[in-house]
């Protein structure tokens, strides 16, 4: 009788251990799936081996990475030439390093765009897309590291003739965009590269 009781306790203990083990495995699996399926990568800080500053202070989350992806909206490329950093309309954008502005205008799929060539790294060009049409800089301006050069633009913009980009309500958008964010591109010798090669998360 006592032996049967001990056997029952052993079976119960083994059952509890198996349940706990399966719970841990399921939890880890769900966390991995959540990370893999997440639309946004959340990070807390950024540093740069090139001593670049982050283009959009206090906003470090990344909603779309460089490279192959599923197009988020009509007109957007399936090969992403930069990274997307979500932020509210009007958020300040700063220069990552000293540079010379060579473009500040409407840029088709990129919407309103600011581009500049770095002075200390003349083979590197930086572009900010989907910015506000109220530009803080002009073509030919010399800009300095940490200088505010513009702000995150609105999702919808008006006044661009033949703008092919529209949201689900038919309103014209700031390029191929689904919401307010900075599309941040780094080009080396005119070839787009992964911006995160220049930063450490």
N, C-alpha and C. Protein backbone atom coordinates (compact mmCIF):
# COMPACT_ATOMS: atom_id res chain seq x y z
N UNK A 1 0.84 -1.21 0.00
CA UNK A 1 0.00 0.00 0.00
C UNK A 1 0.87 1.26 0.00
N UNK A 2 1.86 1.26 0.95
CA UNK A 2 2.78 2.40 1.02
C UNK A 2 3.59 2.52 -0.27
N UNK A 3 3.97 1.37 -0.83
CA UNK A 3 4.73 1.34 -2.07
C UNK A 3 3.92 1.94 -3.22
N UNK A 4 2.63 1.65 -3.29
CA UNK A 4 1.75 2.20 -4.33
C UNK A 4 1.64 3.72 -4.18
N UNK A 5 1.60 4.17 -2.91
CA UNK A 5 1.52 5.62 -2.65
C UNK A 5 2.79 6.32 -3.16
N UNK A 6 3.95 5.70 -2.89
CA UNK A 6 5.24 6.26 -3.35
C UNK A 6 5.29 6.30 -4.87
N UNK A 7 4.81 5.24 -5.51
CA UNK A 7 4.78 5.19 -6.98
C UNK A 7 3.89 6.30 -7.53
N UNK A 8 2.76 6.52 -6.89
CA UNK A 8 1.84 7.60 -7.32
C UNK A 8 2.52 8.96 -7.20
N UNK A 9 3.24 9.18 -6.09
CA UNK A 9 3.96 10.45 -5.89
C UNK A 9 5.02 10.63 -6.97
N UNK A 10 5.74 9.54 -7.28
CA UNK A 10 6.78 9.61 -8.32
C UNK A 10 6.17 9.97 -9.67
N UNK A 11 5.07 9.32 -10.01
CA UNK A 11 4.41 9.60 -11.29
C UNK A 11 3.92 11.04 -11.34
N UNK A 12 3.35 11.51 -10.23
CA UNK A 12 2.88 12.90 -10.16
C UNK A 12 4.04 13.87 -10.32
N UNK A 13 5.17 13.59 -9.65
CA UNK A 13 6.35 14.45 -9.74
C UNK A 13 6.89 14.49 -11.17
N UNK A 14 6.97 13.32 -11.81
CA UNK A 14 7.45 13.25 -13.20
C UNK A 14 6.51 14.03 -14.12
N UNK A 15 5.21 13.91 -13.88
CA UNK A 15 4.21 14.64 -14.67
C UNK A 15 4.42 16.15 -14.54
N UNK A 16 4.64 16.62 -13.30
CA UNK A 16 4.87 18.06 -13.06
C UNK A 16 6.14 18.54 -13.78
N UNK A 17 7.20 17.75 -13.71
CA UNK A 17 8.47 18.10 -14.38
C UNK A 17 8.26 18.21 -15.89
N UNK A 18 7.53 17.23 -16.45
CA UNK A 18 7.28 17.26 -17.90
C UNK A 18 6.46 18.49 -18.28
N UNK A 19 5.44 18.81 -17.50
CA UNK A 19 4.60 20.00 -17.78
C UNK A 19 5.45 21.26 -17.73
N UNK A 20 6.29 21.38 -16.70
CA UNK A 20 7.15 22.57 -16.58
C UNK A 20 8.12 22.67 -17.77
N UNK A 21 8.70 21.54 -18.15
CA UNK A 21 9.63 21.52 -19.28
C UNK A 21 8.94 21.96 -20.57
N UNK A 22 7.75 21.41 -20.82
CA UNK A 22 7.00 21.77 -22.02
C UNK A 22 6.59 23.24 -22.01
N UNK A 23 6.27 23.77 -20.83
CA UNK A 23 5.90 25.19 -20.72
C UNK A 23 7.06 26.09 -21.09
N UNK A 24 8.26 25.72 -20.62
CA UNK A 24 9.46 26.51 -20.95
C UNK A 24 9.74 26.46 -22.44
N UNK A 25 9.67 25.28 -23.04
CA UNK A 25 9.91 25.12 -24.48
C UNK A 25 8.91 25.95 -25.28
N UNK A 26 7.63 25.87 -24.91
CA UNK A 26 6.59 26.63 -25.63
C UNK A 26 6.82 28.12 -25.52
N UNK A 27 7.20 28.55 -24.31
CA UNK A 27 7.45 29.98 -24.10
C UNK A 27 8.59 30.46 -24.97
N UNK A 28 9.70 29.69 -25.01
CA UNK A 28 10.84 30.07 -25.85
C UNK A 28 10.45 30.09 -27.32
N UNK A 29 9.68 29.11 -27.75
CA UNK A 29 9.25 29.04 -29.15
C UNK A 29 8.40 30.24 -29.52
N UNK A 30 7.48 30.60 -28.62
CA UNK A 30 6.61 31.76 -28.90
C UNK A 30 7.42 33.03 -28.98
N UNK A 31 8.43 33.18 -28.09
CA UNK A 31 9.27 34.37 -28.13
C UNK A 31 10.05 34.45 -29.42
N UNK A 32 10.58 33.30 -29.88
CA UNK A 32 11.32 33.29 -31.14
C UNK A 32 10.40 33.65 -32.30
N UNK A 33 9.20 33.06 -32.34
CA UNK A 33 8.25 33.37 -33.40
C UNK A 33 7.86 34.84 -33.36
N UNK A 34 7.66 35.39 -32.15
CA UNK A 34 7.30 36.80 -32.02
C UNK A 34 8.38 37.69 -32.59
N UNK A 35 9.65 37.35 -32.27
CA UNK A 35 10.76 38.14 -32.80
C UNK A 35 10.83 38.04 -34.31
N UNK A 36 10.70 36.82 -34.83
CA UNK A 36 10.81 36.63 -36.28
C UNK A 36 9.67 37.29 -37.04
N UNK A 37 8.47 37.29 -36.45
CA UNK A 37 7.31 37.84 -37.14
C UNK A 37 7.04 39.30 -36.80
N UNK A 38 7.85 39.87 -35.91
CA UNK A 38 7.62 41.25 -35.49
C UNK A 38 7.80 42.21 -36.65
N UNK A 39 6.94 43.21 -36.73
CA UNK A 39 7.06 44.24 -37.76
C UNK A 39 8.04 45.33 -37.35
N UNK A 40 8.49 45.28 -36.11
CA UNK A 40 9.37 46.33 -35.64
C UNK A 40 10.41 45.77 -34.69
N UNK A 41 11.67 46.11 -34.96
CA UNK A 41 12.75 45.70 -34.08
C UNK A 41 12.98 46.82 -33.09
N UNK A 42 12.92 46.50 -31.79
CA UNK A 42 13.04 47.53 -30.76
C UNK A 42 14.43 47.49 -30.16
N UNK A 43 15.12 48.63 -30.17
CA UNK A 43 16.43 48.72 -29.54
C UNK A 43 16.49 50.00 -28.71
N UNK A 44 17.44 50.04 -27.79
CA UNK A 44 17.49 51.14 -26.84
C UNK A 44 18.61 52.14 -27.09
N UNK A 45 19.64 51.73 -27.78
CA UNK A 45 20.74 52.66 -28.01
C UNK A 45 21.52 52.27 -29.26
N UNK A 46 22.21 53.25 -29.82
CA UNK A 46 22.96 53.07 -31.06
C UNK A 46 24.32 53.73 -30.88
N UNK A 47 25.37 53.09 -31.40
CA UNK A 47 26.68 53.73 -31.47
C UNK A 47 27.22 53.52 -32.88
N UNK A 48 28.28 54.24 -33.23
CA UNK A 48 28.81 54.14 -34.58
C UNK A 48 30.32 54.06 -34.58
N UNK A 49 30.84 53.07 -35.30
CA UNK A 49 32.29 52.94 -35.43
C UNK A 49 32.86 54.08 -36.27
N UNK A 50 32.01 54.72 -37.09
CA UNK A 50 32.45 55.85 -37.90
C UNK A 50 32.25 57.18 -37.17
N UNK A 51 31.78 57.09 -35.92
CA UNK A 51 31.48 58.26 -35.12
C UNK A 51 30.33 59.09 -35.71
N UNK A 52 29.46 58.42 -36.51
CA UNK A 52 28.25 59.08 -37.00
C UNK A 52 27.25 59.21 -35.85
N UNK A 53 26.48 60.27 -35.86
CA UNK A 53 25.36 60.33 -34.93
C UNK A 53 24.16 59.66 -35.59
N UNK A 54 23.20 59.23 -34.80
CA UNK A 54 21.98 58.61 -35.33
C UNK A 54 21.13 59.72 -35.95
N UNK A 55 20.52 59.50 -37.11
CA UNK A 55 19.85 60.58 -37.84
C UNK A 55 18.57 61.11 -37.19
N UNK A 56 18.02 60.35 -36.25
CA UNK A 56 16.74 60.74 -35.67
C UNK A 56 16.80 60.48 -34.16
N UNK A 57 17.31 61.44 -33.40
CA UNK A 57 17.55 61.26 -31.97
C UNK A 57 16.31 60.75 -31.23
N UNK A 58 16.57 59.85 -30.28
CA UNK A 58 15.54 59.29 -29.40
C UNK A 58 14.58 58.33 -30.10
N UNK A 59 14.81 58.05 -31.36
CA UNK A 59 13.95 57.09 -32.08
C UNK A 59 14.86 56.03 -32.71
N UNK A 60 14.96 54.89 -32.02
CA UNK A 60 15.89 53.86 -32.42
C UNK A 60 15.22 52.62 -33.01
N UNK A 61 13.92 52.53 -32.92
CA UNK A 61 13.24 51.34 -33.43
C UNK A 61 13.32 51.28 -34.96
N UNK A 62 13.38 50.08 -35.48
CA UNK A 62 13.49 49.88 -36.93
C UNK A 62 12.31 49.02 -37.38
N UNK A 63 11.53 49.56 -38.31
CA UNK A 63 10.34 48.83 -38.76
C UNK A 63 10.56 48.06 -40.05
N UNK A 64 11.63 48.38 -40.78
CA UNK A 64 11.95 47.64 -42.01
C UNK A 64 13.44 47.72 -42.24
N UNK A 65 14.06 46.56 -42.44
CA UNK A 65 15.51 46.49 -42.58
C UNK A 65 15.95 46.60 -44.04
N UNK A 66 17.24 46.74 -44.22
CA UNK A 66 17.87 46.79 -45.54
C UNK A 66 17.77 45.42 -46.21
N UNK A 67 17.55 45.43 -47.51
CA UNK A 67 17.59 44.20 -48.28
C UNK A 67 16.23 43.70 -48.71
N UNK A 68 16.17 42.43 -49.06
CA UNK A 68 14.95 41.83 -49.60
C UNK A 68 13.82 41.86 -48.58
N UNK A 69 12.62 42.20 -49.04
CA UNK A 69 11.46 42.25 -48.17
C UNK A 69 10.19 42.11 -48.99
N UNK A 70 9.08 41.96 -48.31
CA UNK A 70 7.77 42.01 -48.96
C UNK A 70 7.37 43.47 -49.07
N UNK A 71 6.99 43.92 -50.24
CA UNK A 71 6.63 45.32 -50.45
C UNK A 71 5.45 45.70 -49.56
N UNK A 72 5.61 46.75 -48.72
CA UNK A 72 4.55 47.12 -47.79
C UNK A 72 3.39 47.87 -48.43
N UNK A 73 3.61 48.44 -49.61
CA UNK A 73 2.56 49.20 -50.27
C UNK A 73 2.87 49.29 -51.76
N UNK A 74 1.88 49.61 -52.55
CA UNK A 74 2.06 49.73 -53.99
C UNK A 74 3.13 50.78 -54.31
N UNK A 75 4.07 50.42 -55.16
CA UNK A 75 5.13 51.34 -55.56
C UNK A 75 6.40 51.20 -54.75
N UNK A 76 6.31 50.52 -53.58
CA UNK A 76 7.50 50.32 -52.76
C UNK A 76 8.29 49.13 -53.30
N UNK A 77 9.60 49.22 -53.22
CA UNK A 77 10.46 48.17 -53.75
C UNK A 77 10.47 46.94 -52.85
N UNK A 78 10.68 45.77 -53.46
CA UNK A 78 10.85 44.54 -52.68
C UNK A 78 12.31 44.39 -52.25
N UNK A 79 13.17 45.29 -52.73
CA UNK A 79 14.55 45.34 -52.23
C UNK A 79 14.73 46.69 -51.58
N UNK A 80 14.78 46.70 -50.26
CA UNK A 80 14.80 47.94 -49.49
C UNK A 80 16.21 48.52 -49.47
N UNK A 81 16.36 49.76 -49.95
CA UNK A 81 17.68 50.37 -50.09
C UNK A 81 18.19 51.02 -48.82
N UNK A 82 17.40 50.94 -47.74
CA UNK A 82 17.83 51.54 -46.48
C UNK A 82 17.11 50.88 -45.33
N UNK A 83 16.94 51.63 -44.25
CA UNK A 83 16.16 51.16 -43.11
C UNK A 83 15.07 52.19 -42.80
N UNK A 84 13.96 51.72 -42.25
CA UNK A 84 12.86 52.62 -41.87
C UNK A 84 12.83 52.78 -40.36
N UNK A 85 12.77 54.03 -39.94
CA UNK A 85 12.75 54.37 -38.51
C UNK A 85 11.45 55.12 -38.24
N UNK A 86 10.45 54.49 -37.63
CA UNK A 86 9.18 55.16 -37.38
C UNK A 86 9.32 56.27 -36.34
N UNK A 87 8.62 57.38 -36.59
CA UNK A 87 8.61 58.52 -35.66
C UNK A 87 7.46 59.44 -36.03
N UNK A 88 6.96 60.21 -35.08
CA UNK A 88 5.84 61.10 -35.37
C UNK A 88 6.22 62.21 -36.35
N UNK A 89 5.25 62.66 -37.10
CA UNK A 89 5.44 63.80 -37.98
C UNK A 89 5.99 64.97 -37.18
N UNK A 90 7.00 65.66 -37.75
CA UNK A 90 7.59 66.81 -37.07
C UNK A 90 8.81 66.49 -36.23
N UNK A 91 9.15 65.18 -36.08
CA UNK A 91 10.34 64.80 -35.33
C UNK A 91 11.58 65.31 -36.05
N UNK A 92 12.50 65.90 -35.30
CA UNK A 92 13.70 66.50 -35.89
C UNK A 92 14.66 65.44 -36.45
N UNK A 93 15.26 65.79 -37.58
CA UNK A 93 16.27 64.95 -38.23
C UNK A 93 17.60 65.69 -38.19
N UNK A 94 18.68 65.00 -37.85
CA UNK A 94 19.98 65.65 -37.77
C UNK A 94 20.97 65.02 -38.74
N UNK A 95 21.97 65.80 -39.11
CA UNK A 95 23.03 65.30 -40.00
C UNK A 95 23.91 64.33 -39.23
N UNK A 96 24.24 63.21 -39.84
CA UNK A 96 25.07 62.20 -39.17
C UNK A 96 26.53 62.64 -39.08
N UNK A 97 26.92 63.54 -40.00
CA UNK A 97 28.29 64.05 -40.03
C UNK A 97 28.27 65.29 -40.92
N UNK A 98 29.39 65.99 -41.00
CA UNK A 98 29.47 67.17 -41.86
C UNK A 98 29.27 66.76 -43.32
N UNK A 99 28.57 67.61 -44.07
CA UNK A 99 28.32 67.26 -45.46
C UNK A 99 27.89 68.44 -46.30
N UNK A 100 27.71 68.17 -47.58
CA UNK A 100 27.22 69.17 -48.54
C UNK A 100 25.93 68.66 -49.17
N UNK A 101 24.88 69.48 -49.07
CA UNK A 101 23.56 69.08 -49.58
C UNK A 101 23.57 69.15 -51.10
N UNK A 102 23.16 68.06 -51.76
CA UNK A 102 23.08 68.08 -53.22
C UNK A 102 21.67 67.81 -53.73
N UNK A 103 20.75 67.51 -52.82
CA UNK A 103 19.36 67.28 -53.25
C UNK A 103 18.44 67.63 -52.09
N UNK A 104 17.38 68.39 -52.38
CA UNK A 104 16.35 68.71 -51.40
C UNK A 104 15.08 69.02 -52.18
N UNK A 105 14.31 67.97 -52.45
CA UNK A 105 13.15 68.14 -53.32
C UNK A 105 12.27 66.89 -53.23
N UNK A 106 11.27 66.85 -54.12
CA UNK A 106 10.44 65.66 -54.24
C UNK A 106 11.26 64.56 -54.90
N UNK A 107 11.20 63.34 -54.33
CA UNK A 107 12.02 62.25 -54.85
C UNK A 107 11.23 61.01 -55.22
N UNK A 108 10.08 61.18 -55.84
CA UNK A 108 9.25 60.05 -56.31
C UNK A 108 8.92 59.10 -55.17
N UNK A 109 9.33 57.81 -55.28
CA UNK A 109 8.98 56.81 -54.26
C UNK A 109 9.48 57.17 -52.88
N UNK A 110 10.53 57.96 -52.80
CA UNK A 110 11.06 58.40 -51.51
C UNK A 110 10.33 59.60 -50.95
N UNK A 111 9.36 60.12 -51.71
CA UNK A 111 8.67 61.33 -51.26
C UNK A 111 9.65 62.49 -51.17
N UNK A 112 9.35 63.43 -50.32
CA UNK A 112 10.28 64.55 -50.12
C UNK A 112 11.57 64.02 -49.51
N UNK A 113 12.69 64.41 -50.12
CA UNK A 113 13.99 63.80 -49.80
C UNK A 113 15.08 64.86 -49.63
N UNK A 114 15.97 64.60 -48.67
CA UNK A 114 17.18 65.41 -48.49
C UNK A 114 18.38 64.47 -48.63
N UNK A 115 19.35 64.85 -49.47
CA UNK A 115 20.56 64.04 -49.66
C UNK A 115 21.79 64.91 -49.53
N UNK A 116 22.82 64.36 -48.91
CA UNK A 116 24.08 65.11 -48.77
C UNK A 116 25.28 64.18 -48.84
N UNK A 117 26.38 64.73 -49.35
CA UNK A 117 27.65 64.01 -49.48
C UNK A 117 28.50 64.35 -48.25
N UNK A 118 29.09 63.34 -47.64
CA UNK A 118 29.90 63.58 -46.46
C UNK A 118 31.24 64.20 -46.84
N UNK A 119 31.70 65.13 -46.01
CA UNK A 119 32.96 65.81 -46.26
C UNK A 119 34.14 64.93 -45.83
N UNK A 120 34.01 64.30 -44.65
CA UNK A 120 35.10 63.47 -44.12
C UNK A 120 35.19 62.11 -44.80
N UNK A 121 34.10 61.71 -45.44
CA UNK A 121 34.05 60.44 -46.18
C UNK A 121 33.39 60.72 -47.53
N UNK A 122 34.11 61.34 -48.47
CA UNK A 122 33.50 61.81 -49.72
C UNK A 122 32.91 60.72 -50.60
N UNK A 123 33.21 59.45 -50.32
CA UNK A 123 32.60 58.35 -51.08
C UNK A 123 31.22 57.98 -50.55
N UNK A 124 30.82 58.59 -49.42
CA UNK A 124 29.56 58.25 -48.77
C UNK A 124 28.53 59.36 -48.95
N UNK A 125 27.33 58.97 -49.38
CA UNK A 125 26.20 59.90 -49.49
C UNK A 125 25.07 59.40 -48.60
N UNK A 126 24.37 60.33 -48.00
CA UNK A 126 23.28 60.01 -47.07
C UNK A 126 21.98 60.58 -47.63
N UNK A 127 20.90 59.82 -47.54
CA UNK A 127 19.58 60.31 -47.97
C UNK A 127 18.54 60.07 -46.88
N UNK A 128 17.68 61.08 -46.68
CA UNK A 128 16.54 60.98 -45.78
C UNK A 128 15.28 61.11 -46.64
N UNK A 129 14.44 60.09 -46.64
CA UNK A 129 13.23 60.12 -47.45
C UNK A 129 11.98 60.22 -46.58
N UNK A 130 10.88 60.68 -47.21
CA UNK A 130 9.58 60.89 -46.56
C UNK A 130 9.67 61.99 -45.50
N UNK A 131 10.48 63.01 -45.79
CA UNK A 131 10.63 64.14 -44.86
C UNK A 131 9.56 65.19 -45.14
N UNK A 132 9.52 66.19 -44.28
CA UNK A 132 8.58 67.29 -44.46
C UNK A 132 8.97 68.11 -45.68
N UNK A 133 7.98 68.62 -46.44
CA UNK A 133 8.30 69.49 -47.57
C UNK A 133 8.80 70.87 -47.13
N UNK A 134 8.74 71.16 -45.84
CA UNK A 134 9.31 72.42 -45.32
C UNK A 134 10.77 72.14 -45.00
N UNK A 135 11.63 72.37 -46.01
CA UNK A 135 13.04 72.04 -45.87
C UNK A 135 13.78 73.05 -45.00
N UNK A 136 14.70 72.55 -44.20
CA UNK A 136 15.56 73.42 -43.39
C UNK A 136 16.85 73.75 -44.12
N UNK A 137 17.14 73.01 -45.20
CA UNK A 137 18.38 73.20 -45.94
C UNK A 137 18.06 73.29 -47.43
N UNK A 138 19.04 73.76 -48.18
CA UNK A 138 18.90 73.90 -49.63
C UNK A 138 20.11 73.28 -50.32
N UNK A 139 19.96 73.01 -51.62
CA UNK A 139 21.08 72.49 -52.40
C UNK A 139 22.26 73.46 -52.31
N UNK A 140 23.44 72.93 -52.05
CA UNK A 140 24.64 73.76 -51.93
C UNK A 140 25.01 74.11 -50.50
N UNK A 141 24.09 73.88 -49.55
CA UNK A 141 24.39 74.20 -48.15
C UNK A 141 25.44 73.24 -47.60
N UNK A 142 26.34 73.79 -46.79
CA UNK A 142 27.26 72.96 -46.01
C UNK A 142 26.60 72.74 -44.66
N UNK A 143 26.45 71.49 -44.27
CA UNK A 143 25.79 71.19 -43.00
C UNK A 143 26.79 70.56 -42.04
N UNK A 144 26.46 70.62 -40.77
CA UNK A 144 27.38 70.13 -39.74
C UNK A 144 26.76 69.00 -38.94
N UNK A 145 27.61 68.13 -38.47
CA UNK A 145 27.17 67.00 -37.65
C UNK A 145 26.26 67.48 -36.52
N UNK A 146 25.15 66.80 -36.36
CA UNK A 146 24.14 67.09 -35.34
C UNK A 146 23.24 68.28 -35.68
N UNK A 147 23.46 68.92 -36.82
CA UNK A 147 22.61 70.04 -37.23
C UNK A 147 21.24 69.51 -37.63
N UNK A 148 20.18 70.19 -37.18
CA UNK A 148 18.83 69.81 -37.60
C UNK A 148 18.66 70.25 -39.05
N UNK A 149 18.37 69.28 -39.93
CA UNK A 149 18.26 69.60 -41.36
C UNK A 149 16.85 69.43 -41.90
N UNK A 150 15.95 68.92 -41.06
CA UNK A 150 14.57 68.74 -41.51
C UNK A 150 13.79 68.01 -40.44
N UNK A 151 12.58 67.62 -40.78
CA UNK A 151 11.73 66.87 -39.86
C UNK A 151 11.03 65.73 -40.60
N UNK A 152 10.57 64.76 -39.83
CA UNK A 152 9.80 63.66 -40.41
C UNK A 152 8.53 64.24 -41.03
N UNK A 153 8.23 63.82 -42.24
CA UNK A 153 7.09 64.38 -42.95
C UNK A 153 5.77 63.69 -42.63
N UNK A 154 4.70 64.25 -43.13
CA UNK A 154 3.39 63.64 -42.95
C UNK A 154 3.22 62.45 -43.89
N UNK A 155 2.26 61.61 -43.58
CA UNK A 155 1.94 60.49 -44.47
C UNK A 155 1.37 61.02 -45.78
N UNK A 156 0.48 61.98 -45.70
CA UNK A 156 -0.19 62.51 -46.89
C UNK A 156 0.36 63.88 -47.26
N UNK A 157 0.60 64.08 -48.54
CA UNK A 157 1.07 65.36 -49.06
C UNK A 157 0.24 65.74 -50.28
N UNK A 158 0.12 67.01 -50.51
CA UNK A 158 -0.70 67.49 -51.61
C UNK A 158 0.10 68.49 -52.44
N UNK A 159 -0.31 68.67 -53.68
CA UNK A 159 0.33 69.67 -54.52
C UNK A 159 1.37 69.12 -55.47
N UNK A 160 1.60 67.81 -55.46
CA UNK A 160 2.54 67.20 -56.41
C UNK A 160 1.72 66.70 -57.60
N UNK A 161 1.95 67.30 -58.74
CA UNK A 161 1.18 66.89 -59.92
C UNK A 161 1.56 65.47 -60.33
N UNK A 162 0.57 64.69 -60.70
CA UNK A 162 0.77 63.30 -61.14
C UNK A 162 1.45 62.41 -60.09
N UNK A 163 1.22 62.69 -58.80
CA UNK A 163 1.75 61.83 -57.75
C UNK A 163 1.03 60.48 -57.82
N UNK A 164 1.74 59.40 -58.15
CA UNK A 164 1.08 58.11 -58.32
C UNK A 164 0.82 57.37 -57.00
N UNK A 165 1.36 57.88 -55.90
CA UNK A 165 1.28 57.16 -54.63
C UNK A 165 0.04 57.59 -53.85
N UNK A 166 -0.73 56.57 -53.43
CA UNK A 166 -2.00 56.82 -52.75
C UNK A 166 -2.16 55.86 -51.57
N UNK A 167 -2.90 56.32 -50.54
CA UNK A 167 -3.23 55.41 -49.45
C UNK A 167 -4.53 54.69 -49.76
N UNK A 168 -5.02 53.90 -48.83
CA UNK A 168 -6.22 53.09 -49.08
C UNK A 168 -7.47 53.93 -49.28
N UNK A 169 -7.41 55.21 -48.88
CA UNK A 169 -8.55 56.12 -49.08
C UNK A 169 -8.43 56.95 -50.36
N UNK A 170 -7.34 56.70 -51.10
CA UNK A 170 -7.13 57.44 -52.34
C UNK A 170 -6.43 58.77 -52.17
N UNK A 171 -5.97 59.08 -50.95
CA UNK A 171 -5.26 60.34 -50.71
C UNK A 171 -3.79 60.21 -51.09
N UNK A 172 -3.19 61.27 -51.66
CA UNK A 172 -1.78 61.20 -52.08
C UNK A 172 -0.84 61.09 -50.88
N UNK A 173 0.16 60.21 -50.99
CA UNK A 173 1.10 59.99 -49.90
C UNK A 173 2.48 60.55 -50.22
N UNK A 174 3.27 60.66 -49.17
CA UNK A 174 4.63 61.21 -49.26
C UNK A 174 5.57 60.13 -49.81
N UNK A 175 5.41 59.82 -51.09
CA UNK A 175 6.13 58.72 -51.72
C UNK A 175 5.43 57.41 -51.39
N UNK A 176 6.14 56.31 -51.60
CA UNK A 176 5.58 54.99 -51.31
C UNK A 176 5.70 54.75 -49.81
N UNK A 177 4.71 55.22 -49.07
CA UNK A 177 4.77 55.20 -47.61
C UNK A 177 3.42 54.84 -47.02
N UNK A 178 3.45 54.13 -45.88
CA UNK A 178 2.21 53.78 -45.19
C UNK A 178 2.02 54.58 -43.91
N UNK A 179 2.99 55.43 -43.57
CA UNK A 179 2.88 56.23 -42.35
C UNK A 179 4.14 57.06 -42.14
N UNK A 180 4.11 57.91 -41.13
CA UNK A 180 5.25 58.80 -40.86
C UNK A 180 6.46 58.01 -40.36
N UNK A 181 7.55 58.17 -41.07
CA UNK A 181 8.81 57.52 -40.68
C UNK A 181 9.94 58.13 -41.49
N UNK A 182 11.16 57.83 -41.07
CA UNK A 182 12.34 58.21 -41.85
C UNK A 182 12.86 56.97 -42.57
N UNK A 183 12.99 57.09 -43.89
CA UNK A 183 13.72 56.06 -44.66
C UNK A 183 15.15 56.58 -44.77
N UNK A 184 16.09 55.86 -44.18
CA UNK A 184 17.48 56.30 -44.06
C UNK A 184 18.36 55.44 -44.96
N UNK A 185 19.03 56.09 -45.92
CA UNK A 185 19.87 55.39 -46.88
C UNK A 185 21.32 55.86 -46.80
N UNK A 186 22.24 54.92 -46.88
CA UNK A 186 23.66 55.22 -47.03
C UNK A 186 24.13 54.60 -48.34
N UNK A 187 24.77 55.43 -49.16
CA UNK A 187 25.35 54.92 -50.41
C UNK A 187 26.85 55.14 -50.39
N UNK A 188 27.56 54.12 -50.84
CA UNK A 188 29.02 54.21 -50.99
C UNK A 188 29.32 54.09 -52.48
N UNK A 189 29.91 55.14 -53.02
CA UNK A 189 30.17 55.20 -54.46
C UNK A 189 28.90 54.88 -55.25
N UNK A 190 27.81 55.52 -54.84
CA UNK A 190 26.49 55.44 -55.49
C UNK A 190 25.78 54.10 -55.31
N UNK A 191 26.33 53.20 -54.52
CA UNK A 191 25.72 51.89 -54.28
C UNK A 191 25.15 51.85 -52.87
N UNK A 192 23.84 51.55 -52.76
CA UNK A 192 23.21 51.47 -51.44
C UNK A 192 23.81 50.32 -50.63
N UNK A 193 24.11 50.61 -49.37
CA UNK A 193 24.66 49.61 -48.45
C UNK A 193 23.80 49.59 -47.19
N UNK A 194 23.98 48.58 -46.38
CA UNK A 194 23.21 48.47 -45.14
C UNK A 194 23.67 49.52 -44.14
N UNK A 195 22.79 50.45 -43.76
CA UNK A 195 23.19 51.48 -42.78
C UNK A 195 23.67 50.90 -41.46
N UNK A 196 23.17 49.71 -41.11
CA UNK A 196 23.56 49.12 -39.83
C UNK A 196 24.98 48.57 -39.86
N UNK A 197 25.63 48.58 -41.04
CA UNK A 197 27.05 48.26 -41.09
C UNK A 197 27.88 49.40 -40.48
N UNK A 198 27.26 50.56 -40.33
CA UNK A 198 27.95 51.74 -39.82
C UNK A 198 27.56 52.07 -38.39
N UNK A 199 26.65 51.28 -37.85
CA UNK A 199 26.17 51.51 -36.48
C UNK A 199 26.15 50.19 -35.73
N UNK A 200 26.22 50.30 -34.41
CA UNK A 200 26.08 49.12 -33.55
C UNK A 200 24.85 49.33 -32.68
N UNK A 201 23.94 48.34 -32.69
CA UNK A 201 22.73 48.44 -31.88
C UNK A 201 23.00 47.84 -30.51
